[in-house]
Structures are given as C-alpha cells and as structure tokens.
PDB file of N, CA and C in Angstrom:
ATOM      1  N   GLN A   1     -77.025  37.309  33.391  1.00  0.00           N
ATOM      2  CA  GLN A   1     -76.145  38.114  32.061  1.00  0.00           C
ATOM      3  C   GLN A   1     -75.536  39.911  33.513  1.00  0.00           C
ATOM      4  N   VAL A   2     -74.443  40.009  33.183  1.00  0.00           N
ATOM      5  CA  VAL A   2     -74.046  40.655  34.020  1.00  0.00           C
ATOM      6  C   VAL A   2     -74.535  42.101  33.770  1.00  0.00           C
ATOM      7  N   GLN A   3     -74.760  42.697  34.025  1.00  0.00           N
ATOM      8  CA  GLN A   3     -74.807  44.488  33.037  1.00  0.00           C
ATOM      9  C   GLN A   3     -74.040  45.536  34.331  1.00  0.00           C
ATOM     10  N   LEU A   4     -73.277  46.372  33.740  1.00  0.00           N
ATOM     11  CA  LEU A   4     -72.904  47.356  34.659  1.00  0.00           C
ATOM     12  C   LEU A   4     -72.916  48.264  33.973  1.00  0.00           C
ATOM     13  N   VAL A   5     -73.520  49.718  34.030  1.00  0.00           N
ATOM     14  CA  VAL A   5     -74.435  50.598  33.419  1.00  0.00           C
ATOM     15  C   VAL A   5     -74.211  51.921  33.863  1.00  0.00           C
ATOM     16  N   GLU A   6     -73.927  52.562  33.329  1.00  0.00           N
ATOM     17  CA  GLU A   6     -72.432  54.242  33.893  1.00  0.00           C
ATOM     18  C   GLU A   6     -73.717  54.785  33.547  1.00  0.00           C
ATOM     19  N   SER A   7     -74.061  56.310  34.664  1.00  0.00           N
ATOM     20  CA  SER A   7     -74.578  56.987  34.059  1.00  0.00           C
ATOM     21  C   SER A   7     -73.959  58.677  34.723  1.00  0.00           C
ATOM     22  N   GLY A   8     -74.205  59.424  34.349  1.00  0.00           N
ATOM     23  CA  GLY A   8     -74.122  60.675  34.823  1.00  0.00           C
ATOM     24  C   GLY A   8     -72.783  61.595  34.091  1.00  0.00           C
ATOM     25  N   GLY A   9     -72.510  61.233  33.073  1.00  0.00           N
ATOM     26  CA  GLY A   9     -71.254  61.813  32.082  1.00  0.00           C
ATOM     27  C   GLY A   9     -72.448  62.974  31.570  1.00  0.00           C
ATOM     28  N   GLY A  10     -71.318  64.156  30.911  1.00  0.00           N
ATOM     29  CA  GLY A  10     -72.406  65.443  30.354  1.00  0.00           C
ATOM     30  C   GLY A  10     -70.999  66.248  30.042  1.00  0.00           C
ATOM     31  N   LEU A  11     -71.578  67.125  29.453  1.00  0.00           N
ATOM     32  CA  LEU A  11     -70.519  68.413  28.727  1.00  0.00           C
ATOM     33  C   LEU A  11     -70.421  69.206  30.888  1.00  0.00           C
ATOM     34  N   VAL A  12     -69.411  70.095  30.427  1.00  0.00           N
ATOM     35  CA  VAL A  12     -69.557  70.575  31.773  1.00  0.00           C
ATOM     36  C   VAL A  12     -68.257  71.622  31.689  1.00  0.00           C
ATOM     37  N   GLN A  13     -67.966  72.712  32.629  1.00  0.00           N
ATOM     38  CA  GLN A  13     -67.064  73.835  31.909  1.00  0.00           C
ATOM     39  C   GLN A  13     -65.471  73.175  33.221  1.00  0.00           C
ATOM     40  N   SER A  14     -64.459  73.527  32.599  1.00  0.00           N
ATOM     41  CA  SER A  14     -62.932  73.749  33.206  1.00  0.00           C
ATOM     42  C   SER A  14     -63.411  74.215  35.026  1.00  0.00           C
ATOM     43  N   GLY A  15     -63.399  73.944  35.796  1.00  0.00           N
ATOM     44  CA  GLY A  15     -63.279  74.119  37.590  1.00  0.00           C
ATOM     45  C   GLY A  15     -64.857  73.135  37.723  1.00  0.00           C
ATOM     46  N   ASP A  16     -65.545  72.544  37.114  1.00  0.00           N
ATOM     47  CA  ASP A  16     -66.733  72.319  37.248  1.00  0.00           C
ATOM     48  C   ASP A  16     -66.637  70.947  38.350  1.00  0.00           C
ATOM     49  N   SER A  17     -68.152  70.428  38.499  1.00  0.00           N
ATOM     50  CA  SER A  17     -67.651  69.055  39.306  1.00  0.00           C
ATOM     51  C   SER A  17     -68.577  67.763  38.549  1.00  0.00           C
ATOM     52  N   LEU A  18     -68.522  66.410  38.959  1.00  0.00           N
ATOM     53  CA  LEU A  18     -69.321  65.663  38.184  1.00  0.00           C
ATOM     54  C   LEU A  18     -69.280  64.402  39.276  1.00  0.00           C
ATOM     55  N   THR A  19     -70.227  64.020  39.071  1.00  0.00           N
ATOM     56  CA  THR A  19     -70.582  62.464  39.733  1.00  0.00           C
ATOM     57  C   THR A  19     -71.330  61.731  38.797  1.00  0.00           C
ATOM     58  N   LEU A  20     -69.967  60.616  38.397  1.00  0.00           N
ATOM     59  CA  LEU A  20     -70.378  58.793  37.531  1.00  0.00           C
ATOM     60  C   LEU A  20     -71.112  58.259  38.631  1.00  0.00           C
ATOM     61  N   SER A  21     -71.903  57.205  38.329  1.00  0.00           N
ATOM     62  CA  SER A  21     -72.843  56.457  39.037  1.00  0.00           C
ATOM     63  C   SER A  21     -72.665  55.185  37.838  1.00  0.00           C
ATOM     64  N   CYS A  22     -72.346  53.962  38.737  1.00  0.00           N
ATOM     65  CA  CYS A  22     -72.185  52.606  37.635  1.00  0.00           C
ATOM     66  C   CYS A  22     -72.826  51.492  38.232  1.00  0.00           C
ATOM     67  N   ALA A  23     -74.604  51.174  38.196  1.00  0.00           N
ATOM     68  CA  ALA A  23     -75.364  50.635  38.718  1.00  0.00           C
ATOM     69  C   ALA A  23     -74.779  49.230  38.023  1.00  0.00           C
ATOM     70  N   ALA A  24     -74.879  47.867  38.935  1.00  0.00           N
ATOM     71  CA  ALA A  24     -74.851  46.658  38.228  1.00  0.00           C
ATOM     72  C   ALA A  24     -75.922  45.987  38.909  1.00  0.00           C
ATOM     73  N   SER A  25     -76.209  44.705  37.863  1.00  0.00           N
ATOM     74  CA  SER A  25     -76.676  43.717  38.351  1.00  0.00           C
ATOM     75  C   SER A  25     -76.330  42.285  37.927  1.00  0.00           C
ATOM     76  N   GLY A  26     -76.838  41.891  37.907  1.00  0.00           N
ATOM     77  CA  GLY A  26     -76.255  40.495  37.629  1.00  0.00           C
ATOM     78  C   GLY A  26     -75.700  39.607  37.830  1.00  0.00           C
ATOM     79  N   LEU A  27     -74.908  40.336  38.843  1.00  0.00           N
ATOM     80  CA  LEU A  27     -73.699  39.733  40.110  1.00  0.00           C
ATOM     81  C   LEU A  27     -74.057  39.830  41.659  1.00  0.00           C
ATOM     82  N   THR A  28     -73.635  38.968  42.257  1.00  0.00           N
ATOM     83  CA  THR A  28     -73.355  39.227  44.164  1.00  0.00           C
ATOM     84  C   THR A  28     -72.077  40.693  43.681  1.00  0.00           C
ATOM     85  N   PHE A  29     -72.908  42.089  43.994  1.00  0.00           N
ATOM     86  CA  PHE A  29     -71.884  43.294  43.503  1.00  0.00           C
ATOM     87  C   PHE A  29     -71.081  43.380  45.098  1.00  0.00           C
ATOM     88  N   SER A  30     -71.330  42.767  46.343  1.00  0.00           N
ATOM     89  CA  SER A  30     -70.545  43.116  47.377  1.00  0.00           C
ATOM     90  C   SER A  30     -69.306  41.792  47.293  1.00  0.00           C
ATOM     91  N   ARG A  31     -69.219  41.444  46.265  1.00  0.00           N
ATOM     92  CA  ARG A  31     -68.524  40.568  46.832  1.00  0.00           C
ATOM     93  C   ARG A  31     -67.287  40.727  45.286  1.00  0.00           C
ATOM     94  N   TYR A  32     -67.142  42.332  44.852  1.00  0.00           N
ATOM     95  CA  TYR A  32     -66.835  42.820  43.478  1.00  0.00           C
ATOM     96  C   TYR A  32     -66.168  43.861  43.635  1.00  0.00           C
ATOM     97  N   ALA A  33     -64.824  43.366  43.392  1.00  0.00           N
ATOM     98  CA  ALA A  33     -63.517  44.904  43.582  1.00  0.00           C
ATOM     99  C   ALA A  33     -64.368  45.381  42.466  1.00  0.00           C
ATOM    100  N   MET A  34     -64.632  46.827  42.209  1.00  0.00           N
ATOM    101  CA  MET A  34     -64.838  47.876  40.790  1.00  0.00           C
ATOM    102  C   MET A  34     -64.120  48.492  40.708  1.00  0.00           C
ATOM    103  N   GLY A  35     -63.246  49.248  39.473  1.00  0.00           N
ATOM    104  CA  GLY A  35     -62.655  50.265  39.073  1.00  0.00           C
ATOM    105  C   GLY A  35     -63.135  50.919  37.710  1.00  0.00           C
ATOM    106  N   TRP A  36     -62.192  52.158  38.146  1.00  0.00           N
ATOM    107  CA  TRP A  36     -62.957  52.815  36.666  1.00  0.00           C
ATOM    108  C   TRP A  36     -61.704  52.987  36.226  1.00  0.00           C
ATOM    109  N   PHE A  37     -62.006  53.320  34.385  1.00  0.00           N
ATOM    110  CA  PHE A  37     -60.938  53.613  33.741  1.00  0.00           C
ATOM    111  C   PHE A  37     -61.738  55.276  33.194  1.00  0.00           C
ATOM    112  N   ARG A  38     -60.895  55.566  31.812  1.00  0.00           N
ATOM    113  CA  ARG A  38     -61.085  55.908  30.515  1.00  0.00           C
ATOM    114  C   ARG A  38     -60.929  56.305  29.377  1.00  0.00           C
ATOM    115  N   ARG A  39     -60.519  56.699  28.563  1.00  0.00           N
ATOM    116  CA  ARG A  39     -60.405  56.506  27.353  1.00  0.00           C
ATOM    117  C   ARG A  39     -60.366  57.723  26.556  1.00  0.00           C
ATOM    118  N   ALA A  40     -59.474  58.528  26.800  1.00  0.00           N
ATOM    119  CA  ALA A  40     -59.618  59.876  25.985  1.00  0.00           C
ATOM    120  C   ALA A  40     -59.832  60.087  24.417  1.00  0.00           C
ATOM    121  N   PRO A  41     -59.752  61.141  23.690  1.00  0.00           N
ATOM    122  CA  PRO A  41     -59.686  60.724  22.410  1.00  0.00           C
ATOM    123  C   PRO A  41     -58.050  60.596  22.027  1.00  0.00           C
ATOM    124  N   GLY A  42     -58.444  59.718  20.881  1.00  0.00           N
ATOM    125  CA  GLY A  42     -56.804  59.386  20.620  1.00  0.00           C
ATOM    126  C   GLY A  42     -55.818  57.863  21.155  1.00  0.00           C
ATOM    127  N   LYS A  43     -56.413  58.299  22.683  1.00  0.00           N
ATOM    128  CA  LYS A  43     -55.905  57.202  23.413  1.00  0.00           C
ATOM    129  C   LYS A  43     -56.115  56.000  23.963  1.00  0.00           C
ATOM    130  N   GLY A  44     -55.315  55.276  25.081  1.00  0.00           N
ATOM    131  CA  GLY A  44     -56.149  53.809  25.241  1.00  0.00           C
ATOM    132  C   GLY A  44     -56.331  54.015  26.393  1.00  0.00           C
ATOM    133  N   ARG A  45     -57.025  53.092  26.834  1.00  0.00           N
ATOM    134  CA  ARG A  45     -58.157  52.744  27.696  1.00  0.00           C
ATOM    135  C   ARG A  45     -57.250  52.832  29.024  1.00  0.00           C
ATOM    136  N   ALA A  46     -57.173  54.115  30.578  1.00  0.00           N
ATOM    137  CA  ALA A  46     -56.302  54.550  31.432  1.00  0.00           C
ATOM    138  C   ALA A  46     -57.251  53.812  32.899  1.00  0.00           C
ATOM    139  N   PHE A  47     -56.498  53.223  33.806  1.00  0.00           N
ATOM    140  CA  PHE A  47     -57.137  53.035  34.878  1.00  0.00           C
ATOM    141  C   PHE A  47     -57.391  54.586  35.605  1.00  0.00           C
ATOM    142  N   VAL A  48     -58.520  54.523  36.392  1.00  0.00           N
ATOM    143  CA  VAL A  48     -58.664  55.813  37.259  1.00  0.00           C
ATOM    144  C   VAL A  48     -59.025  55.417  38.644  1.00  0.00           C
ATOM    145  N   ALA A  49     -59.250  54.542  39.123  1.00  0.00           N
ATOM    146  CA  ALA A  49     -59.589  54.556  40.630  1.00  0.00           C
ATOM    147  C   ALA A  49     -60.271  52.696  40.756  1.00  0.00           C
ATOM    148  N   ALA A  50     -60.047  52.340  41.573  1.00  0.00           N
ATOM    149  CA  ALA A  50     -60.371  51.325  42.192  1.00  0.00           C
ATOM    150  C   ALA A  50     -61.029  51.151  43.751  1.00  0.00           C
ATOM    151  N   ILE A  51     -61.698  50.291  43.882  1.00  0.00           N
ATOM    152  CA  ILE A  51     -62.079  49.771  45.068  1.00  0.00           C
ATOM    153  C   ILE A  51     -62.603  48.263  45.376  1.00  0.00           C
ATOM    154  N   THR A  52     -61.877  47.775  47.148  1.00  0.00           N
ATOM    155  CA  THR A  52     -62.631  46.787  47.610  1.00  0.00           C
ATOM    156  C   THR A  52     -63.470  46.718  47.520  1.00  0.00           C
ATOM    157  N   SER A  53     -64.201  45.812  47.773  1.00  0.00           N
ATOM    158  CA  SER A  53     -65.508  45.344  47.784  1.00  0.00           C
ATOM    159  C   SER A  53     -66.032  45.474  48.981  1.00  0.00           C
ATOM    160  N   SER A  54     -65.416  45.405  49.767  1.00  0.00           N
ATOM    161  CA  SER A  54     -66.040  46.161  51.915  1.00  0.00           C
ATOM    162  C   SER A  54     -65.287  47.610  51.784  1.00  0.00           C
ATOM    163  N   SER A  55     -65.324  48.327  50.681  1.00  0.00           N
ATOM    164  CA  SER A  55     -64.864  50.366  50.448  1.00  0.00           C
ATOM    165  C   SER A  55     -63.620  50.024  51.879  1.00  0.00           C
ATOM    166  N   ASP A  56     -62.702  49.185  52.345  1.00  0.00           N
ATOM    167  CA  ASP A  56     -62.141  49.144  53.389  1.00  0.00           C
ATOM    168  C   ASP A  56     -60.795  49.950  52.295  1.00  0.00           C
ATOM    169  N   ASN A  57     -60.506  49.575  51.518  1.00  0.00           N
ATOM    170  CA  ASN A  57     -59.456  50.475  49.955  1.00  0.00           C
ATOM    171  C   ASN A  57     -59.575  51.093  49.483  1.00  0.00           C
ATOM    172  N   THR A  58     -59.196  52.456  48.931  1.00  0.00           N
ATOM    173  CA  THR A  58     -59.337  53.083  47.322  1.00  0.00           C
ATOM    174  C   THR A  58     -57.994  52.913  47.225  1.00  0.00           C
ATOM    175  N   PHE A  59     -58.048  53.063  45.757  1.00  0.00           N
ATOM    176  CA  PHE A  59     -56.768  52.888  44.432  1.00  0.00           C
ATOM    177  C   PHE A  59     -56.987  54.223  43.692  1.00  0.00           C
ATOM    178  N   TYR A  60     -56.018  54.910  43.540  1.00  0.00           N
ATOM    179  CA  TYR A  60     -55.794  56.151  42.590  1.00  0.00           C
ATOM    180  C   TYR A  60     -54.799  56.209  41.105  1.00  0.00           C
ATOM    181  N   THR A  61     -54.885  56.549  39.997  1.00  0.00           N
ATOM    182  CA  THR A  61     -53.602  56.813  39.428  1.00  0.00           C
ATOM    183  C   THR A  61     -53.420  58.378  39.674  1.00  0.00           C
ATOM    184  N   GLU A  62     -51.866  58.153  40.225  1.00  0.00           N
ATOM    185  CA  GLU A  62     -51.528  59.492  41.499  1.00  0.00           C
ATOM    186  C   GLU A  62     -51.552  61.094  41.066  1.00  0.00           C
ATOM    187  N   SER A  63     -51.938  60.852  39.353  1.00  0.00           N
ATOM    188  CA  SER A  63     -52.628  62.498  38.781  1.00  0.00           C
ATOM    189  C   SER A  63     -54.137  62.672  39.292  1.00  0.00           C
ATOM    190  N   MET A  64     -54.741  61.342  39.781  1.00  0.00           N
ATOM    191  CA  MET A  64     -55.919  61.986  39.354  1.00  0.00           C
ATOM    192  C   MET A  64     -56.467  62.095  41.739  1.00  0.00           C
ATOM    193  N   LYS A  65     -55.562  61.621  42.538  1.00  0.00           N
ATOM    194  CA  LYS A  65     -55.263  62.263  44.051  1.00  0.00           C
ATOM    195  C   LYS A  65     -55.725  63.030  44.136  1.00  0.00           C
ATOM    196  N   GLY A  66     -56.629  63.370  45.421  1.00  0.00           N
ATOM    197  CA  GLY A  66     -57.168  64.863  45.495  1.00  0.00           C
ATOM    198  C   GLY A  66     -58.116  64.974  44.655  1.00  0.00           C
ATOM    199  N   ARG A  67     -58.428  64.775  43.760  1.00  0.00           N
ATOM    200  CA  ARG A  67     -59.346  65.965  42.681  1.00  0.00           C
ATOM    201  C   ARG A  67     -60.534  64.804  42.431  1.00  0.00           C
ATOM    202  N   PHE A  68     -60.396  63.248  42.656  1.00  0.00           N
ATOM    203  CA  PHE A  68     -61.773  62.806  42.212  1.00  0.00           C
ATOM    204  C   PHE A  68     -61.576  61.535  43.562  1.00  0.00           C
ATOM    205  N   THR A  69     -62.857  61.276  43.763  1.00  0.00           N
ATOM    206  CA  THR A  69     -63.039  60.304  44.673  1.00  0.00           C
ATOM    207  C   THR A  69     -63.792  58.657  43.978  1.00  0.00           C
ATOM    208  N   ILE A  70     -63.721  57.804  44.168  1.00  0.00           N
ATOM    209  CA  ILE A  70     -64.657  56.237  44.103  1.00  0.00           C
ATOM    210  C   ILE A  70     -65.165  56.458  45.262  1.00  0.00           C
ATOM    211  N   SER A  71     -66.096  55.922  45.378  1.00  0.00           N
ATOM    212  CA  SER A  71     -66.853  55.177  46.455  1.00  0.00           C
ATOM    213  C   SER A  71     -67.944  54.000  45.957  1.00  0.00           C
ATOM    214  N   ARG A  72     -68.782  53.208  46.524  1.00  0.00           N
ATOM    215  CA  ARG A  72     -69.546  52.713  46.934  1.00  0.00           C
ATOM    216  C   ARG A  72     -70.743  52.323  48.085  1.00  0.00           C
ATOM    217  N   ASP A  73     -71.757  52.021  47.047  1.00  0.00           N
ATOM    218  CA  ASP A  73     -73.124  51.585  48.081  1.00  0.00           C
ATOM    219  C   ASP A  73     -74.131  49.921  47.688  1.00  0.00           C
ATOM    220  N   ASN A  74     -72.957  49.195  48.065  1.00  0.00           N
ATOM    221  CA  ASN A  74     -73.541  47.821  48.634  1.00  0.00           C
ATOM    222  C   ASN A  74     -75.198  47.385  48.638  1.00  0.00           C
ATOM    223  N   ALA A  75     -75.416  48.756  48.686  1.00  0.00           N
ATOM    224  CA  ALA A  75     -77.210  48.392  49.240  1.00  0.00           C
ATOM    225  C   ALA A  75     -77.840  48.187  47.675  1.00  0.00           C
ATOM    226  N   LYS A  76     -77.140  48.925  47.432  1.00  0.00           N
ATOM    227  CA  LYS A  76     -77.553  49.595  46.160  1.00  0.00           C
ATOM    228  C   LYS A  76     -77.231  49.683  44.668  1.00  0.00           C
ATOM    229  N   ASN A  77     -75.988  48.646  44.811  1.00  0.00           N
ATOM    230  CA  ASN A  77     -75.041  48.070  44.029  1.00  0.00           C
ATOM    231  C   ASN A  77     -74.637  48.540  43.134  1.00  0.00           C
ATOM    232  N   THR A  78     -73.997  50.001  43.426  1.00  0.00           N
ATOM    233  CA  THR A  78     -74.193  51.529  42.504  1.00  0.00           C
ATOM    234  C   THR A  78     -71.920  51.723  43.002  1.00  0.00           C
ATOM    235  N   VAL A  79     -71.523  51.789  42.436  1.00  0.00           N
ATOM    236  CA  VAL A  79     -70.151  52.365  42.512  1.00  0.00           C
ATOM    237  C   VAL A  79     -70.387  53.656  41.872  1.00  0.00           C
ATOM    238  N   TYR A  80     -69.478  54.702  42.561  1.00  0.00           N
ATOM    239  CA  TYR A  80     -69.603  56.406  42.268  1.00  0.00           C
ATOM    240  C   TYR A  80     -67.801  56.753  41.610  1.00  0.00           C
ATOM    241  N   LEU A  81     -67.866  57.634  40.971  1.00  0.00           N
ATOM    242  CA  LEU A  81     -67.277  58.411  41.088  1.00  0.00           C
ATOM    243  C   LEU A  81     -66.998  59.850  40.884  1.00  0.00           C
ATOM    244  N   GLN A  82     -66.779  60.612  41.761  1.00  0.00           N
ATOM    245  CA  GLN A  82     -66.867  61.952  42.441  1.00  0.00           C
ATOM    246  C   GLN A  82     -65.542  62.708  41.574  1.00  0.00           C
ATOM    247  N   MET A  83     -65.951  63.445  40.823  1.00  0.00           N
ATOM    248  CA  MET A  83     -64.753  64.511  39.732  1.00  0.00           C
ATOM    249  C   MET A  83     -64.948  65.503  40.401  1.00  0.00           C
ATOM    250  N   ASN A  84     -64.096  66.491  40.857  1.00  0.00           N
ATOM    251  CA  ASN A  84     -63.637  67.868  41.043  1.00  0.00           C
ATOM    252  C   ASN A  84     -63.293  68.353  40.392  1.00  0.00           C
ATOM    253  N   SER A  85     -62.851  69.617  40.229  1.00  0.00           N
ATOM    254  CA  SER A  85     -61.980  70.713  39.407  1.00  0.00           C
ATOM    255  C   SER A  85     -61.565  69.918  37.912  1.00  0.00           C
ATOM    256  N   LEU A  86     -62.158  70.061  37.439  1.00  0.00           N
ATOM    257  CA  LEU A  86     -62.103  68.743  35.703  1.00  0.00           C
ATOM    258  C   LEU A  86     -61.730  69.983  34.948  1.00  0.00           C
ATOM    259  N   GLU A  87     -60.726  69.181  34.418  1.00  0.00           N
ATOM    260  CA  GLU A  87     -60.217  70.380  33.789  1.00  0.00           C
ATOM    261  C   GLU A  87     -60.346  69.272  31.694  1.00  0.00           C
ATOM    262  N   PRO A  88     -60.459  70.268  30.835  1.00  0.00           N
ATOM    263  CA  PRO A  88     -60.222  70.352  29.711  1.00  0.00           C
ATOM    264  C   PRO A  88     -59.563  67.935  29.191  1.00  0.00           C
ATOM    265  N   GLU A  89     -58.129  68.374  29.903  1.00  0.00           N
ATOM    266  CA  GLU A  89     -57.699  66.673  29.687  1.00  0.00           C
ATOM    267  C   GLU A  89     -58.621  66.131  30.209  1.00  0.00           C
ATOM    268  N   ASP A  90     -59.258  65.920  31.001  1.00  0.00           N
ATOM    269  CA  ASP A  90     -59.994  65.353  31.589  1.00  0.00           C
ATOM    270  C   ASP A  90     -61.363  64.549  30.798  1.00  0.00           C
ATOM    271  N   THR A  91     -61.427  65.416  29.597  1.00  0.00           N
ATOM    272  CA  THR A  91     -62.369  64.527  28.320  1.00  0.00           C
ATOM    273  C   THR A  91     -62.159  63.476  28.413  1.00  0.00           C
ATOM    274  N   ALA A  92     -63.210  62.647  28.094  1.00  0.00           N
ATOM    275  CA  ALA A  92     -62.780  61.003  27.729  1.00  0.00           C
ATOM    276  C   ALA A  92     -64.296  60.083  27.810  1.00  0.00           C
ATOM    277  N   VAL A  93     -64.096  59.228  27.603  1.00  0.00           N
ATOM    278  CA  VAL A  93     -65.128  58.477  27.812  1.00  0.00           C
ATOM    279  C   VAL A  93     -64.942  57.176  29.265  1.00  0.00           C
ATOM    280  N   TYR A  94     -65.445  57.264  30.372  1.00  0.00           N
ATOM    281  CA  TYR A  94     -65.653  56.375  31.691  1.00  0.00           C
ATOM    282  C   TYR A  94     -66.215  55.615  31.714  1.00  0.00           C
ATOM    283  N   TYR A  95     -65.257  54.336  31.953  1.00  0.00           N
ATOM    284  CA  TYR A  95     -65.743  53.024  31.900  1.00  0.00           C
ATOM    285  C   TYR A  95     -65.897  52.528  33.374  1.00  0.00           C
ATOM    286  N   CYS A  96     -67.221  51.890  33.773  1.00  0.00           N
ATOM    287  CA  CYS A  96     -66.785  51.164  35.401  1.00  0.00           C
ATOM    288  C   CYS A  96     -66.614  49.717  34.966  1.00  0.00           C
ATOM    289  N   ALA A  97     -65.719  49.088  36.362  1.00  0.00           N
ATOM    290  CA  ALA A  97     -65.179  47.763  35.440  1.00  0.00           C
ATOM    291  C   ALA A  97     -65.223  47.108  36.639  1.00  0.00           C
ATOM    292  N   ALA A  98     -65.644  45.320  36.610  1.00  0.00           N
ATOM    293  CA  ALA A  98     -65.981  44.315  37.704  1.00  0.00           C
ATOM    294  C   ALA A  98     -64.590  43.257  38.040  1.00  0.00           C
ATOM    295  N   ASP A  99     -64.492  42.704  38.879  1.00  0.00           N
ATOM    296  CA  ASP A  99     -63.718  41.178  38.640  1.00  0.00           C
ATOM    297  C   ASP A  99     -63.914  41.500  40.466  1.00  0.00           C
ATOM    298  N   SER A 100     -63.722  39.919  41.028  1.00  0.00           N
ATOM    299  CA  SER A 100     -64.055  39.552  42.293  1.00  0.00           C
ATOM    300  C   SER A 100     -62.287  39.185  42.948  1.00  0.00           C
ATOM    301  N   ASN A 101     -61.274  39.478  41.709  1.00  0.00           N
ATOM    302  CA  ASN A 101     -59.981  39.872  41.954  1.00  0.00           C
ATOM    303  C   ASN A 101     -59.448  41.366  41.748  1.00  0.00           C
ATOM    304  N   LEU A 102     -59.404  42.245  42.451  1.00  0.00           N
ATOM    305  CA  LEU A 102     -58.789  43.509  42.448  1.00  0.00           C
ATOM    306  C   LEU A 102     -57.681  43.758  41.265  1.00  0.00           C
ATOM    307  N   LEU A 103     -56.944  42.882  41.217  1.00  0.00           N
ATOM    308  CA  LEU A 103     -55.382  42.594  40.719  1.00  0.00           C
ATOM    309  C   LEU A 103     -55.973  42.405  38.951  1.00  0.00           C
ATOM    310  N   GLU A 104     -56.445  41.838  39.005  1.00  0.00           N
ATOM    311  CA  GLU A 104     -57.295  42.275  37.455  1.00  0.00           C
ATOM    312  C   GLU A 104     -57.724  43.472  37.218  1.00  0.00           C
ATOM    313  N   ILE A 105     -58.499  43.918  37.864  1.00  0.00           N
ATOM    314  CA  ILE A 105     -58.485  45.531  37.676  1.00  0.00           C
ATOM    315  C   ILE A 105     -57.430  46.217  37.213  1.00  0.00           C
ATOM    316  N   TYR A 106     -56.092  46.332  38.810  1.00  0.00           N
ATOM    317  CA  TYR A 106     -55.036  46.906  38.142  1.00  0.00           C
ATOM    318  C   TYR A 106     -54.690  46.588  36.114  1.00  0.00           C
ATOM    319  N   ARG A 107     -54.661  45.672  35.793  1.00  0.00           N
ATOM    320  CA  ARG A 107     -54.379  45.150  34.967  1.00  0.00           C
ATOM    321  C   ARG A 107     -55.089  45.083  33.960  1.00  0.00           C
ATOM    322  N   ALA A 108     -56.018  45.779  33.961  1.00  0.00           N
ATOM    323  CA  ALA A 108     -57.202  46.010  33.485  1.00  0.00           C
ATOM    324  C   ALA A 108     -57.899  44.971  31.739  1.00  0.00           C
ATOM    325  N   ARG A 109     -57.997  43.861  33.554  1.00  0.00           N
ATOM    326  CA  ARG A 109     -58.381  42.982  32.851  1.00  0.00           C
ATOM    327  C   ARG A 109     -59.841  41.871  33.497  1.00  0.00           C
ATOM    328  N   PRO A 110     -60.746  43.003  33.659  1.00  0.00           N
ATOM    329  CA  PRO A 110     -62.006  42.922  34.847  1.00  0.00           C
ATOM    330  C   PRO A 110     -63.050  41.841  34.079  1.00  0.00           C
ATOM    331  N   ASP A 111     -63.187  40.997  34.977  1.00  0.00           N
ATOM    332  CA  ASP A 111     -64.433  40.311  34.339  1.00  0.00           C
ATOM    333  C   ASP A 111     -65.385  40.793  33.617  1.00  0.00           C
ATOM    334  N   TYR A 112     -65.686  42.426  33.850  1.00  0.00           N
ATOM    335  CA  TYR A 112     -66.973  42.738  33.328  1.00  0.00           C
ATOM    336  C   TYR A 112     -66.764  44.185  32.967  1.00  0.00           C
ATOM    337  N   TRP A 113     -67.306  44.615  32.284  1.00  0.00           N
ATOM    338  CA  TRP A 113     -67.144  46.431  31.247  1.00  0.00           C
ATOM    339  C   TRP A 113     -68.344  46.926  31.320  1.00  0.00           C
ATOM    340  N   GLY A 114     -69.009  47.910  31.300  1.00  0.00           N
ATOM    341  CA  GLY A 114     -69.674  49.086  30.886  1.00  0.00           C
ATOM    342  C   GLY A 114     -69.362  49.280  30.099  1.00  0.00           C
ATOM    343  N   GLN A 115     -70.492  49.868  29.355  1.00  0.00           N
ATOM    344  CA  GLN A 115     -70.577  50.093  27.619  1.00  0.00           C
ATOM    345  C   GLN A 115     -69.978  51.836  27.589  1.00  0.00           C
ATOM    346  N   GLY A 116     -69.710  52.712  28.916  1.00  0.00           N
ATOM    347  CA  GLY A 116     -69.253  53.568  28.920  1.00  0.00           C
ATOM    348  C   GLY A 116     -70.040  54.868  29.341  1.00  0.00           C
ATOM    349  N   THR A 117     -69.884  55.718  30.025  1.00  0.00           N
ATOM    350  CA  THR A 117     -70.112  57.372  29.555  1.00  0.00           C
ATOM    351  C   THR A 117     -69.699  58.282  29.103  1.00  0.00           C
ATOM    352  N   GLN A 118     -69.774  59.683  28.394  1.00  0.00           N
ATOM    353  CA  GLN A 118     -69.227  59.995  28.192  1.00  0.00           C
ATOM    354  C   GLN A 118     -68.605  61.771  28.539  1.00  0.00           C
ATOM    355  N   VAL A 119     -67.981  62.068  29.119  1.00  0.00           N
ATOM    356  CA  VAL A 119     -67.752  63.827  30.171  1.00  0.00           C
ATOM    357  C   VAL A 119     -66.562  64.264  28.865  1.00  0.00           C
ATOM    358  N   THR A 120     -67.378  65.485  28.951  1.00  0.00           N
ATOM    359  CA  THR A 120     -66.437  66.323  28.257  1.00  0.00           C
ATOM    360  C   THR A 120     -66.362  67.941  28.484  1.00  0.00           C
ATOM    361  N   VAL A 121     -65.253  68.435  28.849  1.00  0.00           N
ATOM    362  CA  VAL A 121     -65.085  69.518  30.025  1.00  0.00           C
ATOM    363  C   VAL A 121     -64.036  70.380  28.875  1.00  0.00           C
ATOM    364  N   SER A 122     -65.432  71.833  28.692  1.00  0.00           N
ATOM    365  CA  SER A 122     -64.661  72.745  28.115  1.00  0.00           C
ATOM    366  C   SER A 122     -64.194  74.022  28.793  1.00  0.00           C
ATOM    367  N   SER A 123     -63.435  74.416  28.007  1.00  0.00           N
ATOM    368  CA  SER A 123     -62.261  75.070  28.608  1.00  0.00           C
ATOM    369  C   SER A 123     -63.278  76.347  28.841  1.00  0.00           C
TER     370      SER A 123
END
C-alpha cells in the first residue's frame, strides 16, 4: 500500500520560511517523479513544483520560482518543499504527489496523493 505523508505545515508570519516534507512508503521511491500542489481557500488544486526521479530537473510554477525549492532524498524516500518569504497568499493545504511519469504530475493526475498539510501565513 502506497502512502505519502506530508508534514511541516503550520502557522507562520508573512516573510517567514517553512519546509514541508513528504515521506513515501510502499513504492520504489527512486523511480518516481514527485510533485507539490496546493489548494488555497475557495480555489482548486494548483501545481507548485515537481522534481524528476533522479533530481536532475526541477520545475516550478512561475510565480513561485526563486521563493520555493523542491528537493528529494532518495535514501530517505522523502521529498521536500522549502518555502521562503511566505505571503498570506501562500495560505493553502499543500499536497505531495507521486507518479512514474512526470507528465502525469503536470496534468495533476498522479498515481498517488498525500493527505495534505495546512500552511497558514498571517500578515
């Protein structure tokens, strides 16, 4: 049984940094592309970032480039999202996703989703 478990969310102030983690189990992690999405209040789920299985390429939504960094540790079966200079507009539930095909992550149709972790940024 595949599980993706996010952690690291919480309440922070505008300008703060936060690192989310997503621990994967039940799959051969090193063979999967991983991604992060978020769902802001009243909005649909939106792509944030993705990383290839071997970390050789990363991709970001344009508005998050330079503030967010996705990384992974295949030895720990974990993907991370480092978020800097957080703004109230970053308030959302953040989800990680896994798929052997990076394109399916772009399409928001990954094989697996995590349950999400709440990030709240106060002004």
